[in-house]
Amino acid sequence: MSNRDKIDNFTGAFGLSLIATSFLNAAILILKEKNEAVMGAMKQAMGHHWITHGTIVIVLFIVLGFVFSAMKLGTKIDDKQMLKYIFWGTIISGLIIAGFFFSNLPIASAIKY
């Protein structure tokens, strides 16, 4: 076994989809929290905005996974690269979400920048 092992196309494609949907999840969250019309539409679409949000993210994950697979993107990445991309993609998208919510906490307005 080599130091860097190739992963199969589906594993790579859905790994890339995970990274993309992590960022899309953060973008959707910020968009709906900042835009009342989007929040209202998401509430109306499926009864609660989190149900709509989750459905969008899951559907995008599946669709992007198959699109990336058809493009053979998964074959261009080895296991170490994929792990690094997933790790940093998750950390960065998590920080985007945390930063958004922190900036909306009452304590954040008390901090002088």
PDB file of N, CA and C in Angstrom:
ATOM      1  N   MET A   1       0.844  -1.171   0.000  1.00  0.00           N
ATOM      2  CA  MET A   1       0.000   0.000   0.000  1.00  0.00           C
ATOM      3  C   MET A   1       0.896   1.244   0.000  1.00  0.00           C
ATOM      4  N   SER A   2       0.588   2.181  -0.830  1.00  0.00           N
ATOM      5  CA  SER A   2       1.406   3.390  -0.929  1.00  0.00           C
ATOM      6  C   SER A   2       1.004   4.395   0.148  1.00  0.00           C
ATOM      7  N   ASN A   3       1.831   5.418   0.261  1.00  0.00           N
ATOM      8  CA  ASN A   3       1.563   6.485   1.208  1.00  0.00           C
ATOM      9  C   ASN A   3       0.280   7.228   0.855  1.00  0.00           C
ATOM     10  N   ARG A   4       0.009   7.335  -0.429  1.00  0.00           N
ATOM     11  CA  ARG A   4      -1.203   8.002  -0.912  1.00  0.00           C
ATOM     12  C   ARG A   4      -1.983   7.018  -1.761  1.00  0.00           C
ATOM     13  N   ASP A   5      -3.165   6.697  -1.293  1.00  0.00           N
ATOM     14  CA  ASP A   5      -3.990   5.736  -2.002  1.00  0.00           C
ATOM     15  C   ASP A   5      -5.111   6.441  -2.740  1.00  0.00           C
ATOM     16  N   LYS A   6      -5.335   6.010  -3.957  1.00  0.00           N
ATOM     17  CA  LYS A   6      -6.442   6.549  -4.738  1.00  0.00           C
ATOM     18  C   LYS A   6      -7.756   6.082  -4.132  1.00  0.00           C
ATOM     19  N   ILE A   7      -8.752   6.929  -4.223  1.00  0.00           N
ATOM     20  CA  ILE A   7     -10.088   6.545  -3.790  1.00  0.00           C
ATOM     21  C   ILE A   7     -10.942   6.370  -5.038  1.00  0.00           C
ATOM     22  N   ASP A   8     -12.000   5.610  -4.908  1.00  0.00           N
ATOM     23  CA  ASP A   8     -12.820   5.382  -6.105  1.00  0.00           C
ATOM     24  C   ASP A   8     -13.624   6.629  -6.449  1.00  0.00           C
ATOM     25  N   ASN A   9     -14.161   6.638  -7.650  1.00  0.00           N
ATOM     26  CA  ASN A   9     -14.843   7.814  -8.185  1.00  0.00           C
ATOM     27  C   ASN A   9     -16.005   8.272  -7.306  1.00  0.00           C
ATOM     28  N   PHE A  10     -16.849   7.333  -6.859  1.00  0.00           N
ATOM     29  CA  PHE A  10     -18.009   7.723  -6.052  1.00  0.00           C
ATOM     30  C   PHE A  10     -17.590   8.283  -4.698  1.00  0.00           C
ATOM     31  N   THR A  11     -16.590   7.687  -4.082  1.00  0.00           N
ATOM     32  CA  THR A  11     -16.119   8.188  -2.797  1.00  0.00           C
ATOM     33  C   THR A  11     -15.592   9.612  -2.948  1.00  0.00           C
ATOM     34  N   GLY A  12     -14.775   9.837  -3.962  1.00  0.00           N
ATOM     35  CA  GLY A  12     -14.238  11.169  -4.213  1.00  0.00           C
ATOM     36  C   GLY A  12     -15.325  12.166  -4.571  1.00  0.00           C
ATOM     37  N   ALA A  13     -16.249  11.750  -5.428  1.00  0.00           N
ATOM     38  CA  ALA A  13     -17.309  12.655  -5.868  1.00  0.00           C
ATOM     39  C   ALA A  13     -18.211  13.062  -4.713  1.00  0.00           C
ATOM     40  N   PHE A  14     -18.576  12.105  -3.870  1.00  0.00           N
ATOM     41  CA  PHE A  14     -19.446  12.451  -2.748  1.00  0.00           C
ATOM     42  C   PHE A  14     -18.676  13.160  -1.635  1.00  0.00           C
ATOM     43  N   GLY A  15     -17.371  12.949  -1.549  1.00  0.00           N
ATOM     44  CA  GLY A  15     -16.545  13.733  -0.637  1.00  0.00           C
ATOM     45  C   GLY A  15     -16.533  15.194  -1.063  1.00  0.00           C
ATOM     46  N   LEU A  16     -16.370  15.431  -2.367  1.00  0.00           N
ATOM     47  CA  LEU A  16     -16.423  16.798  -2.890  1.00  0.00           C
ATOM     48  C   LEU A  16     -17.808  17.403  -2.691  1.00  0.00           C
ATOM     49  N   SER A  17     -18.831  16.589  -2.845  1.00  0.00           N
ATOM     50  CA  SER A  17     -20.188  17.059  -2.623  1.00  0.00           C
ATOM     51  C   SER A  17     -20.394  17.465  -1.164  1.00  0.00           C
ATOM     52  N   LEU A  18     -19.812  16.706  -0.249  1.00  0.00           N
ATOM     53  CA  LEU A  18     -19.882  17.056   1.168  1.00  0.00           C
ATOM     54  C   LEU A  18     -19.287  18.430   1.417  1.00  0.00           C
ATOM     55  N   ILE A  19     -18.130  18.678   0.827  1.00  0.00           N
ATOM     56  CA  ILE A  19     -17.464  19.966   1.003  1.00  0.00           C
ATOM     57  C   ILE A  19     -18.330  21.091   0.431  1.00  0.00           C
ATOM     58  N   ALA A  20     -18.827  20.897  -0.779  1.00  0.00           N
ATOM     59  CA  ALA A  20     -19.654  21.928  -1.421  1.00  0.00           C
ATOM     60  C   ALA A  20     -20.921  22.200  -0.624  1.00  0.00           C
ATOM     61  N   THR A  21     -21.584  21.145  -0.163  1.00  0.00           N
ATOM     62  CA  THR A  21     -22.836  21.352   0.572  1.00  0.00           C
ATOM     63  C   THR A  21     -22.591  21.934   1.961  1.00  0.00           C
ATOM     64  N   SER A  22     -21.395  21.738   2.524  1.00  0.00           N
ATOM     65  CA  SER A  22     -21.076  22.393   3.801  1.00  0.00           C
ATOM     66  C   SER A  22     -21.094  23.908   3.622  1.00  0.00           C
ATOM     67  N   PHE A  23     -20.480  24.370   2.534  1.00  0.00           N
ATOM     68  CA  PHE A  23     -20.478  25.808   2.255  1.00  0.00           C
ATOM     69  C   PHE A  23     -21.869  26.298   1.853  1.00  0.00           C
ATOM     70  N   LEU A  24     -22.588  25.518   1.065  1.00  0.00           N
ATOM     71  CA  LEU A  24     -23.949  25.900   0.676  1.00  0.00           C
ATOM     72  C   LEU A  24     -24.868  25.953   1.896  1.00  0.00           C
ATOM     73  N   ASN A  25     -24.672  25.045   2.832  1.00  0.00           N
ATOM     74  CA  ASN A  25     -25.448  25.051   4.063  1.00  0.00           C
ATOM     75  C   ASN A  25     -25.250  26.367   4.807  1.00  0.00           C
ATOM     76  N   ALA A  26     -24.000  26.793   4.927  1.00  0.00           N
ATOM     77  CA  ALA A  26     -23.711  28.069   5.599  1.00  0.00           C
ATOM     78  C   ALA A  26     -24.358  29.231   4.845  1.00  0.00           C
ATOM     79  N   ALA A  27     -24.269  29.204   3.524  1.00  0.00           N
ATOM     80  CA  ALA A  27     -24.845  30.292   2.716  1.00  0.00           C
ATOM     81  C   ALA A  27     -26.365  30.335   2.851  1.00  0.00           C
ATOM     82  N   ILE A  28     -27.007  29.179   2.806  1.00  0.00           N
ATOM     83  CA  ILE A  28     -28.470  29.120   2.950  1.00  0.00           C
ATOM     84  C   ILE A  28     -28.882  29.642   4.323  1.00  0.00           C
ATOM     85  N   LEU A  29     -28.159  29.232   5.350  1.00  0.00           N
ATOM     86  CA  LEU A  29     -28.477  29.663   6.709  1.00  0.00           C
ATOM     87  C   LEU A  29     -28.412  31.181   6.830  1.00  0.00           C
ATOM     88  N   ILE A  30     -27.337  31.770   6.347  1.00  0.00           N
ATOM     89  CA  ILE A  30     -27.186  33.223   6.437  1.00  0.00           C
ATOM     90  C   ILE A  30     -28.244  33.931   5.595  1.00  0.00           C
ATOM     91  N   LEU A  31     -28.489  33.421   4.389  1.00  0.00           N
ATOM     92  CA  LEU A  31     -29.497  34.023   3.516  1.00  0.00           C
ATOM     93  C   LEU A  31     -30.865  34.028   4.175  1.00  0.00           C
ATOM     94  N   LYS A  32     -31.288  32.910   4.725  1.00  0.00           N
ATOM     95  CA  LYS A  32     -32.633  32.856   5.305  1.00  0.00           C
ATOM     96  C   LYS A  32     -32.738  33.664   6.590  1.00  0.00           C
ATOM     97  N   GLU A  33     -31.638  33.752   7.353  1.00  0.00           N
ATOM     98  CA  GLU A  33     -31.672  34.533   8.587  1.00  0.00           C
ATOM     99  C   GLU A  33     -31.665  36.038   8.318  1.00  0.00           C
ATOM    100  N   LYS A  34     -31.092  36.446   7.211  1.00  0.00           N
ATOM    101  CA  LYS A  34     -31.011  37.867   6.871  1.00  0.00           C
ATOM    102  C   LYS A  34     -32.171  38.355   6.005  1.00  0.00           C
ATOM    103  N   ASN A  35     -32.890  37.434   5.364  1.00  0.00           N
ATOM    104  CA  ASN A  35     -33.929  37.815   4.416  1.00  0.00           C
ATOM    105  C   ASN A  35     -35.264  37.205   4.857  1.00  0.00           C
ATOM    106  N   GLU A  36     -36.151  38.056   5.348  1.00  0.00           N
ATOM    107  CA  GLU A  36     -37.451  37.579   5.842  1.00  0.00           C
ATOM    108  C   GLU A  36     -38.281  36.889   4.755  1.00  0.00           C
ATOM    109  N   ALA A  37     -38.163  37.365   3.519  1.00  0.00           N
ATOM    110  CA  ALA A  37     -38.933  36.746   2.431  1.00  0.00           C
ATOM    111  C   ALA A  37     -38.466  35.305   2.193  1.00  0.00           C
ATOM    112  N   VAL A  38     -37.162  35.083   2.230  1.00  0.00           N
ATOM    113  CA  VAL A  38     -36.624  33.730   2.059  1.00  0.00           C
ATOM    114  C   VAL A  38     -37.052  32.857   3.235  1.00  0.00           C
ATOM    115  N   MET A  39     -36.948  33.383   4.450  1.00  0.00           N
ATOM    116  CA  MET A  39     -37.359  32.638   5.638  1.00  0.00           C
ATOM    117  C   MET A  39     -38.839  32.267   5.547  1.00  0.00           C
ATOM    118  N   GLY A  40     -39.661  33.220   5.159  1.00  0.00           N
ATOM    119  CA  GLY A  40     -41.096  32.957   5.025  1.00  0.00           C
ATOM    120  C   GLY A  40     -41.394  31.917   3.967  1.00  0.00           C
ATOM    121  N   ALA A  41     -40.717  31.996   2.839  1.00  0.00           N
ATOM    122  CA  ALA A  41     -40.924  31.009   1.770  1.00  0.00           C
ATOM    123  C   ALA A  41     -40.499  29.617   2.225  1.00  0.00           C
ATOM    124  N   MET A  42     -39.390  29.550   2.976  1.00  0.00           N
ATOM    125  CA  MET A  42     -38.932  28.251   3.455  1.00  0.00           C
ATOM    126  C   MET A  42     -39.884  27.674   4.499  1.00  0.00           C
ATOM    127  N   LYS A  43     -40.461  28.527   5.345  1.00  0.00           N
ATOM    128  CA  LYS A  43     -41.459  28.071   6.321  1.00  0.00           C
ATOM    129  C   LYS A  43     -42.695  27.548   5.613  1.00  0.00           C
ATOM    130  N   GLN A  44     -43.128  28.292   4.603  1.00  0.00           N
ATOM    131  CA  GLN A  44     -44.336  27.924   3.879  1.00  0.00           C
ATOM    132  C   GLN A  44     -44.139  26.662   3.028  1.00  0.00           C
ATOM    133  N   ALA A  45     -42.966  26.463   2.497  1.00  0.00           N
ATOM    134  CA  ALA A  45     -42.716  25.344   1.586  1.00  0.00           C
ATOM    135  C   ALA A  45     -42.925  23.986   2.244  1.00  0.00           C
ATOM    136  N   MET A  46     -42.421  23.822   3.480  1.00  0.00           N
ATOM    137  CA  MET A  46     -42.496  22.499   4.113  1.00  0.00           C
ATOM    138  C   MET A  46     -42.944  22.551   5.565  1.00  0.00           C
ATOM    139  N   GLY A  47     -43.506  23.674   5.985  1.00  0.00           N
ATOM    140  CA  GLY A  47     -44.034  23.769   7.336  1.00  0.00           C
ATOM    141  C   GLY A  47     -43.071  24.362   8.354  1.00  0.00           C
ATOM    142  N   HIS A  48     -41.787  24.208   8.144  1.00  0.00           N
ATOM    143  CA  HIS A  48     -40.776  24.787   9.040  1.00  0.00           C
ATOM    144  C   HIS A  48     -39.514  25.038   8.232  1.00  0.00           C
ATOM    145  N   HIS A  49     -38.864  26.165   8.499  1.00  0.00           N
ATOM    146  CA  HIS A  49     -37.690  26.538   7.690  1.00  0.00           C
ATOM    147  C   HIS A  49     -36.551  25.531   7.801  1.00  0.00           C
ATOM    148  N   TRP A  50     -36.388  24.876   8.969  1.00  0.00           N
ATOM    149  CA  TRP A  50     -35.305  23.895   9.106  1.00  0.00           C
ATOM    150  C   TRP A  50     -35.567  22.642   8.290  1.00  0.00           C
ATOM    151  N   ILE A  51     -36.824  22.263   8.124  1.00  0.00           N
ATOM    152  CA  ILE A  51     -37.150  21.094   7.287  1.00  0.00           C
ATOM    153  C   ILE A  51     -36.802  21.408   5.838  1.00  0.00           C
ATOM    154  N   THR A  52     -37.182  22.582   5.371  1.00  0.00           N
ATOM    155  CA  THR A  52     -36.852  22.994   4.005  1.00  0.00           C
ATOM    156  C   THR A  52     -35.345  23.103   3.833  1.00  0.00           C
ATOM    157  N   HIS A  53     -34.676  23.710   4.782  1.00  0.00           N
ATOM    158  CA  HIS A  53     -33.226  23.874   4.740  1.00  0.00           C
ATOM    159  C   HIS A  53     -32.540  22.506   4.637  1.00  0.00           C
ATOM    160  N   GLY A  54     -32.910  21.602   5.517  1.00  0.00           N
ATOM    161  CA  GLY A  54     -32.322  20.254   5.510  1.00  0.00           C
ATOM    162  C   GLY A  54     -32.582  19.507   4.219  1.00  0.00           C
ATOM    163  N   THR A  55     -33.783  19.639   3.697  1.00  0.00           N
ATOM    164  CA  THR A  55     -34.137  18.970   2.442  1.00  0.00           C
ATOM    165  C   THR A  55     -33.291  19.510   1.291  1.00  0.00           C
ATOM    166  N   ILE A  56     -33.132  20.816   1.235  1.00  0.00           N
ATOM    167  CA  ILE A  56     -32.312  21.421   0.176  1.00  0.00           C
ATOM    168  C   ILE A  56     -30.880  20.902   0.251  1.00  0.00           C
ATOM    169  N   VAL A  57     -30.314  20.883   1.449  1.00  0.00           N
ATOM    170  CA  VAL A  57     -28.921  20.441   1.618  1.00  0.00           C
ATOM    171  C   VAL A  57     -28.773  18.962   1.231  1.00  0.00           C
ATOM    172  N   ILE A  58     -29.689  18.113   1.666  1.00  0.00           N
ATOM    173  CA  ILE A  58     -29.605  16.678   1.343  1.00  0.00           C
ATOM    174  C   ILE A  58     -29.747  16.451  -0.154  1.00  0.00           C
ATOM    175  N   VAL A  59     -30.714  17.115  -0.777  1.00  0.00           N
ATOM    176  CA  VAL A  59     -30.909  16.952  -2.226  1.00  0.00           C
ATOM    177  C   VAL A  59     -29.674  17.450  -2.987  1.00  0.00           C
ATOM    178  N   LEU A  60     -29.145  18.597  -2.588  1.00  0.00           N
ATOM    179  CA  LEU A  60     -27.931  19.109  -3.243  1.00  0.00           C
ATOM    180  C   LEU A  60     -26.752  18.154  -3.062  1.00  0.00           C
ATOM    181  N   PHE A  61     -26.613  17.569  -1.883  1.00  0.00           N
ATOM    182  CA  PHE A  61     -25.542  16.607  -1.640  1.00  0.00           C
ATOM    183  C   PHE A  61     -25.638  15.438  -2.617  1.00  0.00           C
ATOM    184  N   ILE A  62     -26.829  14.889  -2.771  1.00  0.00           N
ATOM    185  CA  ILE A  62     -27.019  13.738  -3.669  1.00  0.00           C
ATOM    186  C   ILE A  62     -26.806  14.146  -5.126  1.00  0.00           C
ATOM    187  N   VAL A  63     -27.429  15.236  -5.541  1.00  0.00           N
ATOM    188  CA  VAL A  63     -27.310  15.683  -6.931  1.00  0.00           C
ATOM    189  C   VAL A  63     -25.857  16.011  -7.271  1.00  0.00           C
ATOM    190  N   LEU A  64     -25.198  16.795  -6.424  1.00  0.00           N
ATOM    191  CA  LEU A  64     -23.797  17.145  -6.691  1.00  0.00           C
ATOM    192  C   LEU A  64     -22.897  15.916  -6.676  1.00  0.00           C
ATOM    193  N   GLY A  65     -23.176  14.970  -5.803  1.00  0.00           N
ATOM    194  CA  GLY A  65     -22.384  13.738  -5.778  1.00  0.00           C
ATOM    195  C   GLY A  65     -22.439  13.013  -7.106  1.00  0.00           C
ATOM    196  N   PHE A  66     -23.635  12.892  -7.671  1.00  0.00           N
ATOM    197  CA  PHE A  66     -23.764  12.219  -8.960  1.00  0.00           C
ATOM    198  C   PHE A  66     -23.203  13.054 -10.113  1.00  0.00           C
ATOM    199  N   VAL A  67     -23.360  14.369 -10.041  1.00  0.00           N
ATOM    200  CA  VAL A  67     -22.779  15.246 -11.076  1.00  0.00           C
ATOM    201  C   VAL A  67     -21.259  15.133 -11.055  1.00  0.00           C
ATOM    202  N   PHE A  68     -20.668  15.250  -9.860  1.00  0.00           N
ATOM    203  CA  PHE A  68     -19.211  15.136  -9.749  1.00  0.00           C
ATOM    204  C   PHE A  68     -18.732  13.755 -10.171  1.00  0.00           C
ATOM    205  N   SER A  69     -19.530  12.742  -9.891  1.00  0.00           N
ATOM    206  CA  SER A  69     -19.177  11.383 -10.300  1.00  0.00           C
ATOM    207  C   SER A  69     -19.179  11.253 -11.822  1.00  0.00           C
ATOM    208  N   ALA A  70     -20.190  11.832 -12.461  1.00  0.00           N
ATOM    209  CA  ALA A  70     -20.269  11.781 -13.928  1.00  0.00           C
ATOM    210  C   ALA A  70     -19.106  12.533 -14.565  1.00  0.00           C
ATOM    211  N   MET A  71     -18.616  13.551 -13.863  1.00  0.00           N
ATOM    212  CA  MET A  71     -17.478  14.320 -14.368  1.00  0.00           C
ATOM    213  C   MET A  71     -16.142  13.642 -14.032  1.00  0.00           C
ATOM    214  N   LYS A  72     -16.219  12.522 -13.314  1.00  0.00           N
ATOM    215  CA  LYS A  72     -15.031  11.754 -12.902  1.00  0.00           C
ATOM    216  C   LYS A  72     -14.092  12.577 -12.016  1.00  0.00           C
ATOM    217  N   LEU A  73     -14.638  13.511 -11.267  1.00  0.00           N
ATOM    218  CA  LEU A  73     -13.810  14.338 -10.387  1.00  0.00           C
ATOM    219  C   LEU A  73     -13.220  13.523  -9.239  1.00  0.00           C
ATOM    220  N   GLY A  74     -13.931  12.496  -8.827  1.00  0.00           N
ATOM    221  CA  GLY A  74     -13.462  11.682  -7.711  1.00  0.00           C
ATOM    222  C   GLY A  74     -12.184  10.932  -7.990  1.00  0.00           C
ATOM    223  N   THR A  75     -11.870  10.694  -9.240  1.00  0.00           N
ATOM    224  CA  THR A  75     -10.664   9.939  -9.586  1.00  0.00           C
ATOM    225  C   THR A  75      -9.408  10.797  -9.545  1.00  0.00           C
ATOM    226  N   LYS A  76      -9.566  12.091  -9.416  1.00  0.00           N
ATOM    227  CA  LYS A  76      -8.429  13.004  -9.448  1.00  0.00           C
ATOM    228  C   LYS A  76      -7.866  13.313  -8.051  1.00  0.00           C
ATOM    229  N   ILE A  77      -8.437  12.705  -7.030  1.00  0.00           N
ATOM    230  CA  ILE A  77      -8.075  13.033  -5.653  1.00  0.00           C
ATOM    231  C   ILE A  77      -7.668  11.758  -4.919  1.00  0.00           C
ATOM    232  N   ASP A  78      -6.608  11.860  -4.116  1.00  0.00           N
ATOM    233  CA  ASP A  78      -6.236  10.699  -3.307  1.00  0.00           C
ATOM    234  C   ASP A  78      -6.808  10.848  -1.897  1.00  0.00           C
ATOM    235  N   ASP A  79      -6.626   9.820  -1.091  1.00  0.00           N
ATOM    236  CA  ASP A  79      -7.254   9.792   0.226  1.00  0.00           C
ATOM    237  C   ASP A  79      -6.769  10.908   1.156  1.00  0.00           C
ATOM    238  N   LYS A  80      -5.508  11.212   1.129  1.00  0.00           N
ATOM    239  CA  LYS A  80      -4.966  12.267   2.007  1.00  0.00           C
ATOM    240  C   LYS A  80      -5.488  13.645   1.607  1.00  0.00           C
ATOM    241  N   GLN A  81      -5.560  13.904   0.312  1.00  0.00           N
ATOM    242  CA  GLN A  81      -6.103  15.176  -0.159  1.00  0.00           C
ATOM    243  C   GLN A  81      -7.565  15.313   0.256  1.00  0.00           C
ATOM    244  N   MET A  82      -8.335  14.240   0.050  1.00  0.00           N
ATOM    245  CA  MET A  82      -9.763  14.291   0.379  1.00  0.00           C
ATOM    246  C   MET A  82      -9.965  14.555   1.860  1.00  0.00           C
ATOM    247  N   LEU A  83      -9.203  13.869   2.693  1.00  0.00           N
ATOM    248  CA  LEU A  83      -9.322  14.082   4.132  1.00  0.00           C
ATOM    249  C   LEU A  83      -9.008  15.529   4.488  1.00  0.00           C
ATOM    250  N   LYS A  84      -7.969  16.082   3.900  1.00  0.00           N
ATOM    251  CA  LYS A  84      -7.583  17.472   4.155  1.00  0.00           C
ATOM    252  C   LYS A  84      -8.689  18.430   3.685  1.00  0.00           C
ATOM    253  N   TYR A  85      -9.232  18.202   2.493  1.00  0.00           N
ATOM    254  CA  TYR A  85     -10.293  19.075   1.964  1.00  0.00           C
ATOM    255  C   TYR A  85     -11.552  19.016   2.830  1.00  0.00           C
ATOM    256  N   ILE A  86     -11.937  17.816   3.239  1.00  0.00           N
ATOM    257  CA  ILE A  86     -13.127  17.671   4.086  1.00  0.00           C
ATOM    258  C   ILE A  86     -12.901  18.354   5.435  1.00  0.00           C
ATOM    259  N   PHE A  87     -11.728  18.128   6.019  1.00  0.00           N
ATOM    260  CA  PHE A  87     -11.412  18.730   7.316  1.00  0.00           C
ATOM    261  C   PHE A  87     -11.509  20.252   7.238  1.00  0.00           C
ATOM    262  N   TRP A  88     -10.795  20.857   6.307  1.00  0.00           N
ATOM    263  CA  TRP A  88     -10.770  22.320   6.215  1.00  0.00           C
ATOM    264  C   TRP A  88     -12.104  22.894   5.740  1.00  0.00           C
ATOM    265  N   GLY A  89     -12.788  22.197   4.834  1.00  0.00           N
ATOM    266  CA  GLY A  89     -14.095  22.668   4.387  1.00  0.00           C
ATOM    267  C   GLY A  89     -15.097  22.706   5.525  1.00  0.00           C
ATOM    268  N   THR A  90     -15.062  21.684   6.368  1.00  0.00           N
ATOM    269  CA  THR A  90     -15.964  21.625   7.511  1.00  0.00           C
ATOM    270  C   THR A  90     -15.612  22.697   8.540  1.00  0.00           C
ATOM    271  N   ILE A  91     -14.330  22.858   8.807  1.00  0.00           N
ATOM    272  CA  ILE A  91     -13.895  23.877   9.771  1.00  0.00           C
ATOM    273  C   ILE A  91     -14.289  25.280   9.285  1.00  0.00           C
ATOM    274  N   ILE A  92     -13.998  25.584   8.036  1.00  0.00           N
ATOM    275  CA  ILE A  92     -14.277  26.927   7.512  1.00  0.00           C
ATOM    276  C   ILE A  92     -15.774  27.203   7.473  1.00  0.00           C
ATOM    277  N   SER A  93     -16.564  26.254   6.984  1.00  0.00           N
ATOM    278  CA  SER A  93     -18.016  26.499   6.941  1.00  0.00           C
ATOM    279  C   SER A  93     -18.590  26.597   8.347  1.00  0.00           C
ATOM    280  N   GLY A  94     -18.055  25.825   9.290  1.00  0.00           N
ATOM    281  CA  GLY A  94     -18.487  25.932  10.688  1.00  0.00           C
ATOM    282  C   GLY A  94     -18.144  27.286  11.286  1.00  0.00           C
ATOM    283  N   LEU A  95     -16.966  27.798  10.954  1.00  0.00           N
ATOM    284  CA  LEU A  95     -16.573  29.121  11.436  1.00  0.00           C
ATOM    285  C   LEU A  95     -17.440  30.227  10.827  1.00  0.00           C
ATOM    286  N   ILE A  96     -17.824  30.047   9.574  1.00  0.00           N
ATOM    287  CA  ILE A  96     -18.724  31.018   8.943  1.00  0.00           C
ATOM    288  C   ILE A  96     -20.047  31.073   9.708  1.00  0.00           C
ATOM    289  N   ILE A  97     -20.595  29.912  10.013  1.00  0.00           N
ATOM    290  CA  ILE A  97     -21.864  29.845  10.750  1.00  0.00           C
ATOM    291  C   ILE A  97     -21.697  30.410  12.161  1.00  0.00           C
ATOM    292  N   ALA A  98     -20.638  29.985  12.851  1.00  0.00           N
ATOM    293  CA  ALA A  98     -20.404  30.474  14.216  1.00  0.00           C
ATOM    294  C   ALA A  98     -20.195  31.992  14.223  1.00  0.00           C
ATOM    295  N   GLY A  99     -19.437  32.492  13.245  1.00  0.00           N
ATOM    296  CA  GLY A  99     -19.207  33.930  13.156  1.00  0.00           C
ATOM    297  C   GLY A  99     -20.491  34.696  12.918  1.00  0.00           C
ATOM    298  N   PHE A 100     -21.345  34.146  12.068  1.00  0.00           N
ATOM    299  CA  PHE A 100     -22.633  34.798  11.808  1.00  0.00           C
ATOM    300  C   PHE A 100     -23.464  34.880  13.085  1.00  0.00           C
ATOM    301  N   PHE A 101     -23.579  33.762  13.796  1.00  0.00           N
ATOM    302  CA  PHE A 101     -24.399  33.765  15.004  1.00  0.00           C
ATOM    303  C   PHE A 101     -23.755  34.582  16.116  1.00  0.00           C
ATOM    304  N   PHE A 102     -22.430  34.533  16.242  1.00  0.00           N
ATOM    305  CA  PHE A 102     -21.770  35.332  17.267  1.00  0.00           C
ATOM    306  C   PHE A 102     -22.030  36.812  17.049  1.00  0.00           C
ATOM    307  N   SER A 103     -21.980  37.236  15.811  1.00  0.00           N
ATOM    308  CA  SER A 103     -22.195  38.663  15.526  1.00  0.00           C
ATOM    309  C   SER A 103     -23.615  39.105  15.858  1.00  0.00           C
ATOM    310  N   ASN A 104     -24.525  38.158  16.028  1.00  0.00           N
ATOM    311  CA  ASN A 104     -25.914  38.494  16.344  1.00  0.00           C
ATOM    312  C   ASN A 104     -26.240  38.310  17.835  1.00  0.00           C
ATOM    313  N   LEU A 105     -25.262  37.889  18.638  1.00  0.00           N
ATOM    314  CA  LEU A 105     -25.485  37.761  20.070  1.00  0.00           C
ATOM    315  C   LEU A 105     -25.465  39.134  20.722  1.00  0.00           C
ATOM    316  N   PRO A 106     -26.267  39.327  21.774  1.00  0.00           N
ATOM    317  CA  PRO A 106     -26.248  40.617  22.474  1.00  0.00           C
ATOM    318  C   PRO A 106     -24.859  41.000  22.982  1.00  0.00           C
ATOM    319  N   ILE A 107     -24.081  40.017  23.414  1.00  0.00           N
ATOM    320  CA  ILE A 107     -22.744  40.313  23.920  1.00  0.00           C
ATOM    321  C   ILE A 107     -21.837  40.879  22.832  1.00  0.00           C
ATOM    322  N   ALA A 108     -22.070  40.472  21.590  1.00  0.00           N
ATOM    323  CA  ALA A 108     -21.233  40.954  20.487  1.00  0.00           C
ATOM    324  C   ALA A 108     -21.384  42.449  20.299  1.00  0.00           C
ATOM    325  N   SER A 109     -22.577  42.979  20.533  1.00  0.00           N
ATOM    326  CA  SER A 109     -22.777  44.423  20.374  1.00  0.00           C
ATOM    327  C   SER A 109     -22.120  45.209  21.499  1.00  0.00           C
ATOM    328  N   ALA A 110     -21.831  44.555  22.616  1.00  0.00           N
ATOM    329  CA  ALA A 110     -21.189  45.215  23.751  1.00  0.00           C
ATOM    330  C   ALA A 110     -19.672  45.282  23.570  1.00  0.00           C
ATOM    331  N   ILE A 111     -19.119  44.440  22.692  1.00  0.00           N
ATOM    332  CA  ILE A 111     -17.675  44.424  22.468  1.00  0.00           C
ATOM    333  C   ILE A 111     -17.298  45.572  21.543  1.00  0.00           C
ATOM    334  N   LYS A 112     -16.337  46.335  21.961  1.00  0.00           N
ATOM    335  CA  LYS A 112     -15.864  47.482  21.146  1.00  0.00           C
ATOM    336  C   LYS A 112     -14.762  46.988  20.215  1.00  0.00           C
ATOM    337  N   TYR A 113     -14.932  47.194  18.924  1.00  0.00           N
ATOM    338  CA  TYR A 113     -13.925  46.753  17.950  1.00  0.00           C
ATOM    339  C   TYR A 113     -12.984  47.870  17.633  1.00  0.00           C
TER     340      TYR A 113
END
